[in-house]
């Protein structure tokens, strides 16, 4: 009986992991300078209250939401994590036409 309870708890904890959608793998974190070259789509907020990796799950969730909104860039406005409230990520879903590249100095 005890083994069944432990297995159930472990399965529940592992089952709380948020997978990164294939489209979200193309979403890039954008710096303030890069943001000027992108189009704002919408403001996103994600709250992750359960699971062992609250911060990681919140970040994967917001990247998934950015891709679902049609964005390929994400600008982080704020994030917070604590044991009682979980993790919160707020940011902007962006559509960026070109990826900025650092050019070598002359």
C-alpha atoms as a PDB file:
ATOM      1  CA  UNK A   1       0.000   0.000   0.000  1.00  0.00           C
ATOM      2  CA  UNK A   2       2.783   2.430   0.903  1.00  0.00           C
ATOM      3  CA  UNK A   3       4.582   1.656  -2.359  1.00  0.00           C
ATOM      4  CA  UNK A   4       1.427   2.427  -4.324  1.00  0.00           C
ATOM      5  CA  UNK A   5       1.095   5.811  -2.605  1.00  0.00           C
ATOM      6  CA  UNK A   6       4.748   6.683  -3.258  1.00  0.00           C
ATOM      7  CA  UNK A   7       4.470   5.643  -6.922  1.00  0.00           C
ATOM      8  CA  UNK A   8       1.285   7.706  -7.316  1.00  0.00           C
ATOM      9  CA  UNK A   9       2.909  10.794  -5.798  1.00  0.00           C
ATOM     10  CA  UNK A  10       6.023  10.434  -7.971  1.00  0.00           C
ATOM     11  CA  UNK A  11       3.911   9.953 -11.094  1.00  0.00           C
ATOM     12  CA  UNK A  12       1.906  13.056 -10.257  1.00  0.00           C
ATOM     13  CA  UNK A  13       5.031  15.149  -9.748  1.00  0.00           C
ATOM     14  CA  UNK A  14       6.616  13.943 -12.982  1.00  0.00           C
ATOM     15  CA  UNK A  15       3.346  14.447 -14.834  1.00  0.00           C
ATOM     16  CA  UNK A  16       3.355  18.161 -14.033  1.00  0.00           C
ATOM     17  CA  UNK A  17       6.202  18.908 -16.415  1.00  0.00           C
ATOM     18  CA  UNK A  18       5.284  21.274 -19.260  1.00  0.00           C
ATOM     19  CA  UNK A  19       6.699  20.112 -22.605  1.00  0.00           C
ATOM     20  CA  UNK A  20       8.070  22.677 -25.050  1.00  0.00           C
ATOM     21  CA  UNK A  21       5.967  22.662 -28.226  1.00  0.00           C
ATOM     22  CA  UNK A  22       7.883  22.224 -31.511  1.00  0.00           C
ATOM     23  CA  UNK A  23       6.911  25.763 -32.629  1.00  0.00           C
ATOM     24  CA  UNK A  24       8.128  27.200 -29.325  1.00  0.00           C
ATOM     25  CA  UNK A  25      11.636  25.902 -30.024  1.00  0.00           C
ATOM     26  CA  UNK A  26      11.875  28.671 -32.634  1.00  0.00           C
ATOM     27  CA  UNK A  27      10.968  31.431 -30.143  1.00  0.00           C
ATOM     28  CA  UNK A  28      13.979  33.502 -29.165  1.00  0.00           C
ATOM     29  CA  UNK A  29      14.496  35.622 -26.058  1.00  0.00           C
ATOM     30  CA  UNK A  30      14.830  39.219 -27.236  1.00  0.00           C
ATOM     31  CA  UNK A  31      16.962  41.956 -25.679  1.00  0.00           C
ATOM     32  CA  UNK A  32      15.781  45.530 -25.193  1.00  0.00           C
ATOM     33  CA  UNK A  33      17.790  46.673 -28.232  1.00  0.00           C
ATOM     34  CA  UNK A  34      16.405  43.878 -30.425  1.00  0.00           C
ATOM     35  CA  UNK A  35      12.858  44.601 -29.276  1.00  0.00           C
ATOM     36  CA  UNK A  36      12.876  47.877 -31.210  1.00  0.00           C
ATOM     37  CA  UNK A  37      12.946  45.866 -34.449  1.00  0.00           C
ATOM     38  CA  UNK A  38       9.966  43.684 -33.525  1.00  0.00           C
ATOM     39  CA  UNK A  39       6.202  44.050 -33.662  1.00  0.00           C
ATOM     40  CA  UNK A  40       4.277  43.725 -30.405  1.00  0.00           C
ATOM     41  CA  UNK A  41       1.617  40.987 -30.496  1.00  0.00           C
ATOM     42  CA  UNK A  42       0.354  40.788 -26.927  1.00  0.00           C
ATOM     43  CA  UNK A  43       1.281  40.816 -23.249  1.00  0.00           C
ATOM     44  CA  UNK A  44       1.451  37.352 -21.672  1.00  0.00           C
ATOM     45  CA  UNK A  45       1.339  36.242 -18.051  1.00  0.00           C
ATOM     46  CA  UNK A  46       1.883  32.691 -16.823  1.00  0.00           C
ATOM     47  CA  UNK A  47       1.475  31.472 -13.239  1.00  0.00           C
ATOM     48  CA  UNK A  48       2.835  28.021 -12.394  1.00  0.00           C
ATOM     49  CA  UNK A  49       1.649  26.870  -8.987  1.00  0.00           C
ATOM     50  CA  UNK A  50       2.401  23.126  -8.962  1.00  0.00           C
ATOM     51  CA  UNK A  51       5.256  20.790  -9.778  1.00  0.00           C
ATOM     52  CA  UNK A  52       8.886  20.561  -8.766  1.00  0.00           C
ATOM     53  CA  UNK A  53      10.221  22.842 -11.555  1.00  0.00           C
ATOM     54  CA  UNK A  54       7.876  25.802 -11.298  1.00  0.00           C
ATOM     55  CA  UNK A  55      10.249  28.313 -12.920  1.00  0.00           C
ATOM     56  CA  UNK A  56      11.148  26.019 -15.827  1.00  0.00           C
ATOM     57  CA  UNK A  57       7.520  25.064 -16.413  1.00  0.00           C
ATOM     58  CA  UNK A  58       6.453  28.725 -16.346  1.00  0.00           C
ATOM     59  CA  UNK A  59       9.119  29.636 -18.904  1.00  0.00           C
ATOM     60  CA  UNK A  60       8.194  26.729 -21.207  1.00  0.00           C
ATOM     61  CA  UNK A  61       4.514  27.669 -20.877  1.00  0.00           C
ATOM     62  CA  UNK A  62       5.149  31.275 -21.853  1.00  0.00           C
ATOM     63  CA  UNK A  63       7.306  30.258 -24.827  1.00  0.00           C
ATOM     64  CA  UNK A  64       4.490  27.928 -25.921  1.00  0.00           C
ATOM     65  CA  UNK A  65       1.991  30.799 -25.536  1.00  0.00           C
ATOM     66  CA  UNK A  66       4.249  33.113 -27.558  1.00  0.00           C
ATOM     67  CA  UNK A  67       4.409  30.605 -30.412  1.00  0.00           C
ATOM     68  CA  UNK A  68       0.629  30.028 -30.222  1.00  0.00           C
ATOM     69  CA  UNK A  69       0.093  33.799 -30.530  1.00  0.00           C
ATOM     70  CA  UNK A  70       2.172  33.799 -33.722  1.00  0.00           C
ATOM     71  CA  UNK A  71       5.336  35.188 -32.177  1.00  0.00           C
ATOM     72  CA  UNK A  72       8.935  34.238 -32.788  1.00  0.00           C
ATOM     73  CA  UNK A  73      10.394  36.481 -30.090  1.00  0.00           C
ATOM     74  CA  UNK A  74       9.769  36.913 -26.378  1.00  0.00           C
ATOM     75  CA  UNK A  75      10.769  39.901 -24.253  1.00  0.00           C
ATOM     76  CA  UNK A  76      10.871  39.181 -20.513  1.00  0.00           C
ATOM     77  CA  UNK A  77       9.227  41.950 -18.468  1.00  0.00           C
ATOM     78  CA  UNK A  78       9.373  40.277 -15.045  1.00  0.00           C
ATOM     79  CA  UNK A  79       9.643  36.942 -13.303  1.00  0.00           C
ATOM     80  CA  UNK A  80       9.346  35.767  -9.725  1.00  0.00           C
ATOM     81  CA  UNK A  81       9.562  32.468  -7.932  1.00  0.00           C
ATOM     82  CA  UNK A  82       8.794  31.442  -4.382  1.00  0.00           C
ATOM     83  CA  UNK A  83       7.751  28.221  -2.732  1.00  0.00           C
ATOM     84  CA  UNK A  84       4.319  29.346  -1.573  1.00  0.00           C
ATOM     85  CA  UNK A  85       3.048  31.186  -4.672  1.00  0.00           C
ATOM     86  CA  UNK A  86       4.968  29.317  -7.369  1.00  0.00           C
ATOM     87  CA  UNK A  87       6.477  31.023 -10.394  1.00  0.00           C
ATOM     88  CA  UNK A  88       5.155  33.924 -12.452  1.00  0.00           C
ATOM     89  CA  UNK A  89       6.512  35.112 -15.783  1.00  0.00           C
ATOM     90  CA  UNK A  90       5.291  38.258 -17.558  1.00  0.00           C
ATOM     91  CA  UNK A  91       6.470  39.276 -20.984  1.00  0.00           C
ATOM     92  CA  UNK A  92       5.703  40.372 -24.509  1.00  0.00           C
ATOM     93  CA  UNK A  93       5.053  38.065 -27.437  1.00  0.00           C
ATOM     94  CA  UNK A  94       6.775  39.641 -30.439  1.00  0.00           C
ATOM     95  CA  UNK A  95       7.019  39.104 -34.168  1.00  0.00           C
ATOM     96  CA  UNK A  96      10.569  39.823 -35.267  1.00  0.00           C
ATOM     97  CA  UNK A  97      11.282  39.907 -39.004  1.00  0.00           C
ATOM     98  CA  UNK A  98      15.037  39.505 -38.792  1.00  0.00           C
ATOM     99  CA  UNK A  99      17.359  38.151 -36.176  1.00  0.00           C
ATOM    100  CA  UNK A 100      19.884  40.776 -35.146  1.00  0.00           C
ATOM    101  CA  UNK A 101      23.434  39.649 -35.579  1.00  0.00           C
ATOM    102  CA  UNK A 102      26.444  41.159 -33.916  1.00  0.00           C
ATOM    103  CA  UNK A 103      28.807  42.482 -36.522  1.00  0.00           C
ATOM    104  CA  UNK A 104      32.541  42.411 -35.877  1.00  0.00           C
ATOM    105  CA  UNK A 105      34.014  45.778 -34.953  1.00  0.00           C
ATOM    106  CA  UNK A 106      36.227  47.393 -37.542  1.00  0.00           C
END
